[in-house]
PDB file of N, CA and C in Angstrom:
ATOM      1  N   MET A   1      47.947 -35.307  23.360  1.00  0.00           N
ATOM      2  CA  MET A   1      46.690 -36.010  23.208  1.00  0.00           C
ATOM      3  C   MET A   1      45.948 -36.074  24.548  1.00  0.00           C
ATOM      4  N   ASN A   2      46.711 -36.249  25.631  1.00  0.00           N
ATOM      5  CA  ASN A   2      46.051 -36.343  26.931  1.00  0.00           C
ATOM      6  C   ASN A   2      45.359 -35.046  27.323  1.00  0.00           C
ATOM      7  N   SER A   3      45.881 -33.912  26.900  1.00  0.00           N
ATOM      8  CA  SER A   3      45.203 -32.641  27.210  1.00  0.00           C
ATOM      9  C   SER A   3      43.781 -32.637  26.656  1.00  0.00           C
ATOM     10  N   ILE A   4      43.625 -33.171  25.462  1.00  0.00           N
ATOM     11  CA  ILE A   4      42.289 -33.254  24.858  1.00  0.00           C
ATOM     12  C   ILE A   4      41.425 -34.241  25.645  1.00  0.00           C
ATOM     13  N   LYS A   5      41.977 -35.412  25.952  1.00  0.00           N
ATOM     14  CA  LYS A   5      41.213 -36.412  26.711  1.00  0.00           C
ATOM     15  C   LYS A   5      40.755 -35.852  28.050  1.00  0.00           C
ATOM     16  N   TRP A   6      41.670 -35.199  28.754  1.00  0.00           N
ATOM     17  CA  TRP A   6      41.319 -34.658  30.068  1.00  0.00           C
ATOM     18  C   TRP A   6      40.270 -33.565  29.944  1.00  0.00           C
ATOM     19  N   SER A   7      40.332 -32.776  28.880  1.00  0.00           N
ATOM     20  CA  SER A   7      39.330 -31.731  28.667  1.00  0.00           C
ATOM     21  C   SER A   7      37.958 -32.327  28.384  1.00  0.00           C
ATOM     22  N   LEU A   8      37.962 -33.464  27.715  1.00  0.00           N
ATOM     23  CA  LEU A   8      36.706 -34.150  27.425  1.00  0.00           C
ATOM     24  C   LEU A   8      36.217 -34.974  28.615  1.00  0.00           C
ATOM     25  N   MET A   9      37.077 -35.086  29.616  1.00  0.00           N
ATOM     26  CA  MET A   9      36.800 -35.888  30.813  1.00  0.00           C
ATOM     27  C   MET A   9      36.464 -37.327  30.460  1.00  0.00           C
ATOM     28  N   ILE A  10      37.335 -37.909  29.632  1.00  0.00           N
ATOM     29  CA  ILE A  10      37.171 -39.315  29.283  1.00  0.00           C
ATOM     30  C   ILE A  10      38.382 -40.101  29.781  1.00  0.00           C
ATOM     31  N   CYS A  11      38.190 -41.379  29.924  1.00  0.00           N
ATOM     32  CA  CYS A  11      39.233 -42.269  30.425  1.00  0.00           C
ATOM     33  C   CYS A  11      40.447 -42.271  29.499  1.00  0.00           C
ATOM     34  N   ASP A  12      41.634 -42.257  30.075  1.00  0.00           N
ATOM     35  CA  ASP A  12      42.873 -42.303  29.293  1.00  0.00           C
ATOM     36  C   ASP A  12      42.937 -43.538  28.398  1.00  0.00           C
ATOM     37  N   PHE A  13      42.288 -44.603  28.794  1.00  0.00           N
ATOM     38  CA  PHE A  13      42.391 -45.858  28.058  1.00  0.00           C
ATOM     39  C   PHE A  13      41.265 -46.066  27.047  1.00  0.00           C
ATOM     40  N   TRP A  14      40.321 -45.140  27.012  1.00  0.00           N
ATOM     41  CA  TRP A  14      39.162 -45.351  26.153  1.00  0.00           C
ATOM     42  C   TRP A  14      39.465 -45.047  24.696  1.00  0.00           C
ATOM     43  N   LEU A  15      39.957 -43.872  24.403  1.00  0.00           N
ATOM     44  CA  LEU A  15      40.266 -43.492  23.028  1.00  0.00           C
ATOM     45  C   LEU A  15      41.780 -43.455  22.865  1.00  0.00           C
ATOM     46  N   SER A  16      42.248 -43.995  21.759  1.00  0.00           N
ATOM     47  CA  SER A  16      43.697 -44.118  21.614  1.00  0.00           C
ATOM     48  C   SER A  16      44.266 -43.324  20.448  1.00  0.00           C
ATOM     49  N   SER A  17      43.454 -42.503  19.810  1.00  0.00           N
ATOM     50  CA  SER A  17      43.982 -41.746  18.672  1.00  0.00           C
ATOM     51  C   SER A  17      43.211 -40.435  18.504  1.00  0.00           C
ATOM     52  N   TYR A  18      43.858 -39.514  17.821  1.00  0.00           N
ATOM     53  CA  TYR A  18      43.191 -38.258  17.488  1.00  0.00           C
ATOM     54  C   TYR A  18      41.980 -38.515  16.600  1.00  0.00           C
ATOM     55  N   GLU A  19      42.101 -39.499  15.712  1.00  0.00           N
ATOM     56  CA  GLU A  19      40.980 -39.840  14.823  1.00  0.00           C
ATOM     57  C   GLU A  19      39.754 -40.270  15.629  1.00  0.00           C
ATOM     58  N   ASP A  20      39.981 -41.082  16.686  1.00  0.00           N
ATOM     59  CA  ASP A  20      38.877 -41.503  17.556  1.00  0.00           C
ATOM     60  C   ASP A  20      38.226 -40.302  18.239  1.00  0.00           C
ATOM     61  N   MET A  21      39.061 -39.376  18.708  1.00  0.00           N
ATOM     62  CA  MET A  21      38.518 -38.193  19.388  1.00  0.00           C
ATOM     63  C   MET A  21      37.772 -37.294  18.405  1.00  0.00           C
ATOM     64  N   ALA A  22      38.294 -37.174  17.187  1.00  0.00           N
ATOM     65  CA  ALA A  22      37.616 -36.362  16.172  1.00  0.00           C
ATOM     66  C   ALA A  22      36.229 -36.936  15.888  1.00  0.00           C
ATOM     67  N   LYS A  23      36.130 -38.261  15.805  1.00  0.00           N
ATOM     68  CA  LYS A  23      34.834 -38.902  15.565  1.00  0.00           C
ATOM     69  C   LYS A  23      33.885 -38.658  16.744  1.00  0.00           C
ATOM     70  N   LEU A  24      34.399 -38.801  17.961  1.00  0.00           N
ATOM     71  CA  LEU A  24      33.580 -38.558  19.144  1.00  0.00           C
ATOM     72  C   LEU A  24      33.059 -37.125  19.152  1.00  0.00           C
ATOM     73  N   LEU A  25      33.920 -36.169  18.868  1.00  0.00           N
ATOM     74  CA  LEU A  25      33.508 -34.772  18.854  1.00  0.00           C
ATOM     75  C   LEU A  25      32.492 -34.494  17.751  1.00  0.00           C
ATOM     76  N   LYS A  26      32.676 -35.113  16.599  1.00  0.00           N
ATOM     77  CA  LYS A  26      31.709 -34.926  15.507  1.00  0.00           C
ATOM     78  C   LYS A  26      30.341 -35.464  15.921  1.00  0.00           C
ATOM     79  N   ASP A  27      30.348 -36.669  16.529  1.00  0.00           N
ATOM     80  CA  ASP A  27      29.084 -37.270  16.970  1.00  0.00           C
ATOM     81  C   ASP A  27      28.421 -36.439  18.070  1.00  0.00           C
ATOM     82  N   ALA A  28      29.231 -35.892  18.979  1.00  0.00           N
ATOM     83  CA  ALA A  28      28.682 -35.157  20.120  1.00  0.00           C
ATOM     84  C   ALA A  28      28.302 -33.719  19.777  1.00  0.00           C
ATOM     85  N   LEU A  29      29.116 -33.070  18.943  1.00  0.00           N
ATOM     86  CA  LEU A  29      28.920 -31.651  18.689  1.00  0.00           C
ATOM     87  C   LEU A  29      28.435 -31.327  17.279  1.00  0.00           C
ATOM     88  N   GLY A  30      28.529 -32.312  16.392  1.00  0.00           N
ATOM     89  CA  GLY A  30      28.131 -32.071  15.015  1.00  0.00           C
ATOM     90  C   GLY A  30      29.134 -31.244  14.234  1.00  0.00           C
ATOM     91  N   ARG A  31      30.331 -31.109  14.740  1.00  0.00           N
ATOM     92  CA  ARG A  31      31.380 -30.327  14.082  1.00  0.00           C
ATOM     93  C   ARG A  31      32.560 -31.237  13.795  1.00  0.00           C
ATOM     94  N   GLU A  32      33.115 -31.091  12.612  1.00  0.00           N
ATOM     95  CA  GLU A  32      34.279 -31.897  12.239  1.00  0.00           C
ATOM     96  C   GLU A  32      35.551 -31.242  12.741  1.00  0.00           C
ATOM     97  N   TYR A  33      36.431 -32.058  13.298  1.00  0.00           N
ATOM     98  CA  TYR A  33      37.757 -31.615  13.727  1.00  0.00           C
ATOM     99  C   TYR A  33      38.791 -32.421  12.970  1.00  0.00           C
ATOM    100  N   LYS A  34      39.794 -31.725  12.462  1.00  0.00           N
ATOM    101  CA  LYS A  34      40.904 -32.404  11.805  1.00  0.00           C
ATOM    102  C   LYS A  34      41.932 -32.775  12.865  1.00  0.00           C
ATOM    103  N   VAL A  35      42.708 -33.811  12.581  1.00  0.00           N
ATOM    104  CA  VAL A  35      43.723 -34.282  13.517  1.00  0.00           C
ATOM    105  C   VAL A  35      44.680 -33.152  13.893  1.00  0.00           C
ATOM    106  N   GLU A  36      45.157 -32.409  12.904  1.00  0.00           N
ATOM    107  CA  GLU A  36      46.104 -31.323  13.196  1.00  0.00           C
ATOM    108  C   GLU A  36      45.468 -30.251  14.084  1.00  0.00           C
ATOM    109  N   GLU A  37      44.192 -29.992  13.890  1.00  0.00           N
ATOM    110  CA  GLU A  37      43.482 -29.016  14.715  1.00  0.00           C
ATOM    111  C   GLU A  37      43.442 -29.484  16.170  1.00  0.00           C
ATOM    112  N   LEU A  38      43.170 -30.769  16.379  1.00  0.00           N
ATOM    113  CA  LEU A  38      43.152 -31.311  17.736  1.00  0.00           C
ATOM    114  C   LEU A  38      44.536 -31.265  18.368  1.00  0.00           C
ATOM    115  N   ARG A  39      45.565 -31.532  17.579  1.00  0.00           N
ATOM    116  CA  ARG A  39      46.942 -31.439  18.108  1.00  0.00           C
ATOM    117  C   ARG A  39      47.244 -30.017  18.576  1.00  0.00           C
ATOM    118  N   LEU A  40      46.868 -29.044  17.790  1.00  0.00           N
ATOM    119  CA  LEU A  40      47.114 -27.647  18.163  1.00  0.00           C
ATOM    120  C   LEU A  40      46.308 -27.247  19.401  1.00  0.00           C
ATOM    121  N   ILE A  41      45.088 -27.714  19.489  1.00  0.00           N
ATOM    122  CA  ILE A  41      44.259 -27.431  20.668  1.00  0.00           C
ATOM    123  C   ILE A  41      44.919 -28.045  21.904  1.00  0.00           C
ATOM    124  N   GLY A  42      45.349 -29.298  21.788  1.00  0.00           N
ATOM    125  CA  GLY A  42      46.013 -29.972  22.905  1.00  0.00           C
ATOM    126  C   GLY A  42      47.291 -29.261  23.324  1.00  0.00           C
ATOM    127  N   GLU A  43      48.074 -28.817  22.345  1.00  0.00           N
ATOM    128  CA  GLU A  43      49.305 -28.083  22.641  1.00  0.00           C
ATOM    129  C   GLU A  43      48.993 -26.769  23.353  1.00  0.00           C
ATOM    130  N   GLY A  44      47.936 -26.094  22.897  1.00  0.00           N
ATOM    131  CA  GLY A  44      47.533 -24.848  23.553  1.00  0.00           C
ATOM    132  C   GLY A  44      47.125 -25.072  25.000  1.00  0.00           C
ATOM    133  N   ILE A  45      46.379 -26.131  25.244  1.00  0.00           N
ATOM    134  CA  ILE A  45      45.971 -26.459  26.613  1.00  0.00           C
ATOM    135  C   ILE A  45      47.204 -26.701  27.477  1.00  0.00           C
ATOM    136  N   TRP A  46      48.159 -27.470  26.953  1.00  0.00           N
ATOM    137  CA  TRP A  46      49.386 -27.796  27.701  1.00  0.00           C
ATOM    138  C   TRP A  46      50.165 -26.522  28.029  1.00  0.00           C
ATOM    139  N   ASN A  47      50.286 -25.620  27.043  1.00  0.00           N
ATOM    140  CA  ASN A  47      51.031 -24.379  27.258  1.00  0.00           C
ATOM    141  C   ASN A  47      50.337 -23.458  28.254  1.00  0.00           C
ATOM    142  N   ILE A  48      49.025 -23.365  28.187  1.00  0.00           N
ATOM    143  CA  ILE A  48      48.288 -22.521  29.133  1.00  0.00           C
ATOM    144  C   ILE A  48      48.384 -23.104  30.548  1.00  0.00           C
ATOM    145  N   SER A  49      48.332 -24.422  30.648  1.00  0.00           N
ATOM    146  CA  SER A  49      48.510 -25.064  31.958  1.00  0.00           C
ATOM    147  C   SER A  49      49.886 -24.734  32.523  1.00  0.00           C
ATOM    148  N   ARG A  50      50.885 -24.745  31.651  1.00  0.00           N
ATOM    149  CA  ARG A  50      52.244 -24.426  32.064  1.00  0.00           C
ATOM    150  C   ARG A  50      52.330 -22.984  32.565  1.00  0.00           C
ATOM    151  N   ILE A  51      51.725 -22.059  31.839  1.00  0.00           N
ATOM    152  CA  ILE A  51      51.741 -20.649  32.248  1.00  0.00           C
ATOM    153  C   ILE A  51      51.054 -20.476  33.598  1.00  0.00           C
ATOM    154  N   PHE A  52      49.954 -21.168  33.798  1.00  0.00           N
ATOM    155  CA  PHE A  52      49.252 -21.116  35.085  1.00  0.00           C
ATOM    156  C   PHE A  52      50.185 -21.573  36.200  1.00  0.00           C
ATOM    157  N   ASN A  53      50.851 -22.717  35.993  1.00  0.00           N
ATOM    158  CA  ASN A  53      51.751 -23.245  37.019  1.00  0.00           C
ATOM    159  C   ASN A  53      52.896 -22.281  37.317  1.00  0.00           C
ATOM    160  N   ILE A  54      53.449 -21.651  36.280  1.00  0.00           N
ATOM    161  CA  ILE A  54      54.532 -20.684  36.472  1.00  0.00           C
ATOM    162  C   ILE A  54      54.024 -19.480  37.264  1.00  0.00           C
ATOM    163  N   ARG A  55      52.830 -19.024  36.932  1.00  0.00           N
ATOM    164  CA  ARG A  55      52.244 -17.910  37.678  1.00  0.00           C
ATOM    165  C   ARG A  55      52.119 -18.241  39.167  1.00  0.00           C
ATOM    166  N   GLU A  56      51.857 -19.505  39.452  1.00  0.00           N
ATOM    167  CA  GLU A  56      51.686 -19.950  40.830  1.00  0.00           C
ATOM    168  C   GLU A  56      53.014 -20.309  41.509  1.00  0.00           C
ATOM    169  N   GLY A  57      54.141 -20.062  40.812  1.00  0.00           N
ATOM    170  CA  GLY A  57      55.442 -20.247  41.442  1.00  0.00           C
ATOM    171  C   GLY A  57      56.238 -21.457  40.985  1.00  0.00           C
ATOM    172  N   PHE A  58      55.720 -22.212  40.052  1.00  0.00           N
ATOM    173  CA  PHE A  58      56.415 -23.402  39.552  1.00  0.00           C
ATOM    174  C   PHE A  58      57.676 -22.977  38.813  1.00  0.00           C
ATOM    175  N   LYS A  59      58.796 -23.688  39.067  1.00  0.00           N
ATOM    176  CA  LYS A  59      60.083 -23.366  38.442  1.00  0.00           C
ATOM    177  C   LYS A  59      60.678 -24.611  37.796  1.00  0.00           C
ATOM    178  N   ARG A  60      61.749 -24.397  37.035  1.00  0.00           N
ATOM    179  CA  ARG A  60      62.446 -25.511  36.388  1.00  0.00           C
ATOM    180  C   ARG A  60      62.805 -26.593  37.412  1.00  0.00           C
ATOM    181  N   GLU A  61      63.232 -26.181  38.592  1.00  0.00           N
ATOM    182  CA  GLU A  61      63.631 -27.139  39.632  1.00  0.00           C
ATOM    183  C   GLU A  61      62.482 -28.068  40.033  1.00  0.00           C
ATOM    184  N   ASP A  62      61.253 -27.636  39.761  1.00  0.00           N
ATOM    185  CA  ASP A  62      60.092 -28.460  40.100  1.00  0.00           C
ATOM    186  C   ASP A  62      59.827 -29.543  39.053  1.00  0.00           C
ATOM    187  N   ASP A  63      60.417 -29.396  37.863  1.00  0.00           N
ATOM    188  CA  ASP A  63      60.300 -30.410  36.811  1.00  0.00           C
ATOM    189  C   ASP A  63      61.360 -31.481  37.054  1.00  0.00           C
ATOM    190  N   THR A  64      61.095 -32.353  37.967  1.00  0.00           N
ATOM    191  CA  THR A  64      62.096 -33.351  38.326  1.00  0.00           C
ATOM    192  C   THR A  64      61.431 -34.647  38.760  1.00  0.00           C
ATOM    193  N   LEU A  65      62.255 -35.564  39.148  1.00  0.00           N
ATOM    194  CA  LEU A  65      61.804 -36.854  39.665  1.00  0.00           C
ATOM    195  C   LEU A  65      61.993 -36.866  41.175  1.00  0.00           C
ATOM    196  N   PRO A  66      61.401 -37.817  41.862  1.00  0.00           N
ATOM    197  CA  PRO A  66      61.692 -37.939  43.291  1.00  0.00           C
ATOM    198  C   PRO A  66      63.202 -38.120  43.490  1.00  0.00           C
ATOM    199  N   PRO A  67      63.792 -37.445  44.484  1.00  0.00           N
ATOM    200  CA  PRO A  67      65.248 -37.495  44.679  1.00  0.00           C
ATOM    201  C   PRO A  67      65.836 -38.905  44.705  1.00  0.00           C
ATOM    202  N   LYS A  68      65.114 -39.858  45.272  1.00  0.00           N
ATOM    203  CA  LYS A  68      65.678 -41.203  45.378  1.00  0.00           C
ATOM    204  C   LYS A  68      65.958 -41.838  44.013  1.00  0.00           C
ATOM    205  N   MET A  69      65.296 -41.350  42.963  1.00  0.00           N
ATOM    206  CA  MET A  69      65.535 -41.909  41.624  1.00  0.00           C
ATOM    207  C   MET A  69      66.973 -41.674  41.165  1.00  0.00           C
ATOM    208  N   PHE A  70      67.611 -40.642  41.727  1.00  0.00           N
ATOM    209  CA  PHE A  70      68.966 -40.294  41.322  1.00  0.00           C
ATOM    210  C   PHE A  70      70.043 -41.016  42.131  1.00  0.00           C
ATOM    211  N   TYR A  71      69.677 -41.571  43.288  1.00  0.00           N
ATOM    212  CA  TYR A  71      70.709 -42.221  44.094  1.00  0.00           C
ATOM    213  C   TYR A  71      70.356 -43.619  44.602  1.00  0.00           C
ATOM    214  N   GLU A  72      69.089 -44.001  44.584  1.00  0.00           N
ATOM    215  CA  GLU A  72      68.717 -45.364  45.003  1.00  0.00           C
ATOM    216  C   GLU A  72      68.533 -46.238  43.769  1.00  0.00           C
ATOM    217  N   PRO A  73      69.285 -47.326  43.657  1.00  0.00           N
ATOM    218  CA  PRO A  73      69.131 -48.204  42.489  1.00  0.00           C
ATOM    219  C   PRO A  73      67.719 -48.787  42.415  1.00  0.00           C
ATOM    220  N   LEU A  74      67.224 -48.880  41.201  1.00  0.00           N
ATOM    221  CA  LEU A  74      65.922 -49.498  40.966  1.00  0.00           C
ATOM    222  C   LEU A  74      66.038 -50.995  41.215  1.00  0.00           C
ATOM    223  N   ARG A  75      64.912 -51.603  41.514  1.00  0.00           N
ATOM    224  CA  ARG A  75      64.916 -53.046  41.795  1.00  0.00           C
ATOM    225  C   ARG A  75      63.985 -53.779  40.845  1.00  0.00           C
ATOM    226  N   GLY A  76      64.509 -54.841  40.264  1.00  0.00           N
ATOM    227  CA  GLY A  76      63.705 -55.700  39.405  1.00  0.00           C
ATOM    228  C   GLY A  76      63.678 -55.253  37.956  1.00  0.00           C
ATOM    229  N   GLY A  77      63.441 -56.191  37.090  1.00  0.00           N
ATOM    230  CA  GLY A  77      63.305 -55.893  35.672  1.00  0.00           C
ATOM    231  C   GLY A  77      64.605 -55.485  35.001  1.00  0.00           C
ATOM    232  N   LYS A  78      64.472 -54.940  33.817  1.00  0.00           N
ATOM    233  CA  LYS A  78      65.638 -54.578  33.007  1.00  0.00           C
ATOM    234  C   LYS A  78      66.446 -53.427  33.602  1.00  0.00           C
ATOM    235  N   THR A  79      65.849 -52.646  34.461  1.00  0.00           N
ATOM    236  CA  THR A  79      66.564 -51.507  35.044  1.00  0.00           C
ATOM    237  C   THR A  79      67.126 -51.805  36.430  1.00  0.00           C
ATOM    238  N   ASP A  80      67.103 -53.064  36.827  1.00  0.00           N
ATOM    239  CA  ASP A  80      67.581 -53.455  38.148  1.00  0.00           C
ATOM    240  C   ASP A  80      68.994 -52.927  38.397  1.00  0.00           C
ATOM    241  N   GLY A  81      69.164 -52.239  39.510  1.00  0.00           N
ATOM    242  CA  GLY A  81      70.474 -51.737  39.901  1.00  0.00           C
ATOM    243  C   GLY A  81      70.855 -50.405  39.295  1.00  0.00           C
ATOM    244  N   LYS A  82      70.030 -49.865  38.449  1.00  0.00           N
ATOM    245  CA  LYS A  82      70.365 -48.603  37.776  1.00  0.00           C
ATOM    246  C   LYS A  82      69.723 -47.418  38.501  1.00  0.00           C
ATOM    247  N   THR A  83      70.333 -46.251  38.323  1.00  0.00           N
ATOM    248  CA  THR A  83      69.757 -44.997  38.803  1.00  0.00           C
ATOM    249  C   THR A  83      69.642 -44.053  37.607  1.00  0.00           C
ATOM    250  N   VAL A  84      68.915 -42.973  37.793  1.00  0.00           N
ATOM    251  CA  VAL A  84      68.801 -41.949  36.753  1.00  0.00           C
ATOM    252  C   VAL A  84      69.983 -40.994  36.938  1.00  0.00           C
ATOM    253  N   ASP A  85      70.719 -40.758  35.867  1.00  0.00           N
ATOM    254  CA  ASP A  85      71.845 -39.827  35.918  1.00  0.00           C
ATOM    255  C   ASP A  85      71.308 -38.394  35.960  1.00  0.00           C
ATOM    256  N   LEU A  86      71.639 -37.665  37.011  1.00  0.00           N
ATOM    257  CA  LEU A  86      71.109 -36.320  37.207  1.00  0.00           C
ATOM    258  C   LEU A  86      71.499 -35.381  36.071  1.00  0.00           C
ATOM    259  N   ASN A  87      72.748 -35.419  35.648  1.00  0.00           N
ATOM    260  CA  ASN A  87      73.185 -34.533  34.562  1.00  0.00           C
ATOM    261  C   ASN A  87      72.463 -34.860  33.261  1.00  0.00           C
ATOM    262  N   GLN A  88      72.308 -36.145  32.971  1.00  0.00           N
ATOM    263  CA  GLN A  88      71.591 -36.537  31.763  1.00  0.00           C
ATOM    264  C   GLN A  88      70.128 -36.112  31.851  1.00  0.00           C
ATOM    265  N   PHE A  89      69.543 -36.218  33.041  1.00  0.00           N
ATOM    266  CA  PHE A  89      68.161 -35.782  33.235  1.00  0.00           C
ATOM    267  C   PHE A  89      68.020 -34.283  32.943  1.00  0.00           C
ATOM    268  N   LYS A  90      68.960 -33.482  33.467  1.00  0.00           N
ATOM    269  CA  LYS A  90      68.916 -32.032  33.240  1.00  0.00           C
ATOM    270  C   LYS A  90      69.063 -31.699  31.758  1.00  0.00           C
ATOM    271  N   GLU A  91      69.948 -32.413  31.070  1.00  0.00           N
ATOM    272  CA  GLU A  91      70.120 -32.201  29.624  1.00  0.00           C
ATOM    273  C   GLU A  91      68.846 -32.566  28.872  1.00  0.00           C
ATOM    274  N   SER A  92      68.218 -33.656  29.276  1.00  0.00           N
ATOM    275  CA  SER A  92      66.974 -34.090  28.635  1.00  0.00           C
ATOM    276  C   SER A  92      65.854 -33.080  28.878  1.00  0.00           C
ATOM    277  N   LEU A  93      65.829 -32.503  30.066  1.00  0.00           N
ATOM    278  CA  LEU A  93      64.816 -31.506  30.377  1.00  0.00           C
ATOM    279  C   LEU A  93      64.999 -30.269  29.493  1.00  0.00           C
ATOM    280  N   THR A  94      66.238 -29.859  29.296  1.00  0.00           N
ATOM    281  CA  THR A  94      66.516 -28.727  28.404  1.00  0.00           C
ATOM    282  C   THR A  94      66.055 -29.042  26.992  1.00  0.00           C
ATOM    283  N   GLU A  95      66.334 -30.244  26.527  1.00  0.00           N
ATOM    284  CA  GLU A  95      65.901 -30.657  25.183  1.00  0.00           C
ATOM    285  C   GLU A  95      64.371 -30.671  25.083  1.00  0.00           C
ATOM    286  N   TYR A  96      63.705 -31.145  26.126  1.00  0.00           N
ATOM    287  CA  TYR A  96      62.236 -31.145  26.160  1.00  0.00           C
ATOM    288  C   TYR A  96      61.703 -29.719  26.050  1.00  0.00           C
ATOM    289  N   TYR A  97      62.285 -28.806  26.812  1.00  0.00           N
ATOM    290  CA  TYR A  97      61.865 -27.409  26.742  1.00  0.00           C
ATOM    291  C   TYR A  97      62.035 -26.864  25.330  1.00  0.00           C
ATOM    292  N   LYS A  98      63.154 -27.171  24.690  1.00  0.00           N
ATOM    293  CA  LYS A  98      63.394 -26.719  23.307  1.00  0.00           C
ATOM    294  C   LYS A  98      62.311 -27.247  22.381  1.00  0.00           C
ATOM    295  N   LEU A  99      62.025 -28.542  22.487  1.00  0.00           N
ATOM    296  CA  LEU A  99      61.021 -29.165  21.619  1.00  0.00           C
ATOM    297  C   LEU A  99      59.634 -28.568  21.837  1.00  0.00           C
ATOM    298  N   ARG A 100      59.341 -28.170  23.061  1.00  0.00           N
ATOM    299  CA  ARG A 100      58.052 -27.572  23.388  1.00  0.00           C
ATOM    300  C   ARG A 100      57.946 -26.107  22.976  1.00  0.00           C
ATOM    301  N   GLY A 101      59.107 -25.477  22.705  1.00  0.00           N
ATOM    302  CA  GLY A 101      59.096 -24.048  22.405  1.00  0.00           C
ATOM    303  C   GLY A 101      59.047 -23.215  23.670  1.00  0.00           C
ATOM    304  N   TRP A 102      59.685 -23.721  24.718  1.00  0.00           N
ATOM    305  CA  TRP A 102      59.729 -23.043  26.007  1.00  0.00           C
ATOM    306  C   TRP A 102      61.135 -22.517  26.255  1.00  0.00           C
ATOM    307  N   ASN A 103      61.242 -21.491  27.089  1.00  0.00           N
ATOM    308  CA  ASN A 103      62.539 -20.968  27.487  1.00  0.00           C
ATOM    309  C   ASN A 103      63.322 -22.083  28.178  1.00  0.00           C
ATOM    310  N   GLU A 104      64.566 -22.262  27.763  1.00  0.00           N
ATOM    311  CA  GLU A 104      65.363 -23.389  28.262  1.00  0.00           C
ATOM    312  C   GLU A 104      65.751 -23.254  29.729  1.00  0.00           C
ATOM    313  N   GLU A 105      65.771 -22.043  30.253  1.00  0.00           N
ATOM    314  CA  GLU A 105      66.148 -21.829  31.655  1.00  0.00           C
ATOM    315  C   GLU A 105      64.949 -21.854  32.591  1.00  0.00           C
ATOM    316  N   THR A 106      63.832 -21.290  32.129  1.00  0.00           N
ATOM    317  CA  THR A 106      62.674 -21.131  33.017  1.00  0.00           C
ATOM    318  C   THR A 106      61.548 -22.119  32.737  1.00  0.00           C
ATOM    319  N   GLY A 107      61.519 -22.672  31.529  1.00  0.00           N
ATOM    320  CA  GLY A 107      60.415 -23.544  31.156  1.00  0.00           C
ATOM    321  C   GLY A 107      59.156 -22.782  30.773  1.00  0.00           C
ATOM    322  N   LYS A 108      59.254 -21.462  30.680  1.00  0.00           N
ATOM    323  CA  LYS A 108      58.085 -20.651  30.306  1.00  0.00           C
ATOM    324  C   LYS A 108      57.897 -20.705  28.788  1.00  0.00           C
ATOM    325  N   PRO A 109      56.670 -20.958  28.324  1.00  0.00           N
ATOM    326  CA  PRO A 109      56.422 -20.952  26.883  1.00  0.00           C
ATOM    327  C   PRO A 109      56.817 -19.612  26.267  1.00  0.00           C
ATOM    328  N   LYS A 110      57.519 -19.684  25.143  1.00  0.00           N
ATOM    329  CA  LYS A 110      57.924 -18.471  24.431  1.00  0.00           C
ATOM    330  C   LYS A 110      56.698 -17.853  23.767  1.00  0.00           C
ATOM    331  N   GLU A 111      56.774 -16.543  23.551  1.00  0.00           N
ATOM    332  CA  GLU A 111      55.638 -15.831  22.950  1.00  0.00           C
ATOM    333  C   GLU A 111      55.256 -16.426  21.605  1.00  0.00           C
ATOM    334  N   GLU A 112      56.248 -16.757  20.767  1.00  0.00           N
ATOM    335  CA  GLU A 112      55.932 -17.327  19.445  1.00  0.00           C
ATOM    336  C   GLU A 112      55.263 -18.702  19.573  1.00  0.00           C
ATOM    337  N   THR A 113      55.553 -19.414  20.639  1.00  0.00           N
ATOM    338  CA  THR A 113      54.888 -20.703  20.866  1.00  0.00           C
ATOM    339  C   THR A 113      53.416 -20.474  21.184  1.00  0.00           C
ATOM    340  N   LEU A 114      53.144 -19.468  21.983  1.00  0.00           N
ATOM    341  CA  LEU A 114      51.762 -19.181  22.374  1.00  0.00           C
ATOM    342  C   LEU A 114      50.952 -18.656  21.205  1.00  0.00           C
ATOM    343  N   ILE A 115      51.598 -17.904  20.335  1.00  0.00           N
ATOM    344  CA  ILE A 115      50.890 -17.376  19.164  1.00  0.00           C
ATOM    345  C   ILE A 115      50.549 -18.527  18.237  1.00  0.00           C
TER     346      ILE A 115
END
C-alpha cells in the first residue's frame, strides 16, 4: 500500500485503505481503480524498486537491522532486555522472500513474480 502512497506523493497517515486511494484516483483522474488492481500496481512498484537496488549492488546481507539490535538488549517497554535472534531473523527473511516471490538466496524477484 505504501508504494502507491509514495507514488501519489501523499502523507502516509492521510489515506488508510486501498478504497480511499481508489476514490482519490477516481476523483483526480476520472478513472476507476479496483482494490486488487491497486494491490498489483503496488506490488509491481515494490518489485521494480527491488530490481533497481539489486542492479546497484544491494544484496541479501543488506536486508538487515543495525548490528546492535542483535547483541544490545532493548530498553523499556515489553521488549526490555531482549535482543533480536540473528538466526531467527535470517529464517524470517527467507520466509519474507518466499512470500514476495523472490529468490531465497539473493532476494531478486523471480521472473514469474515480475510477469
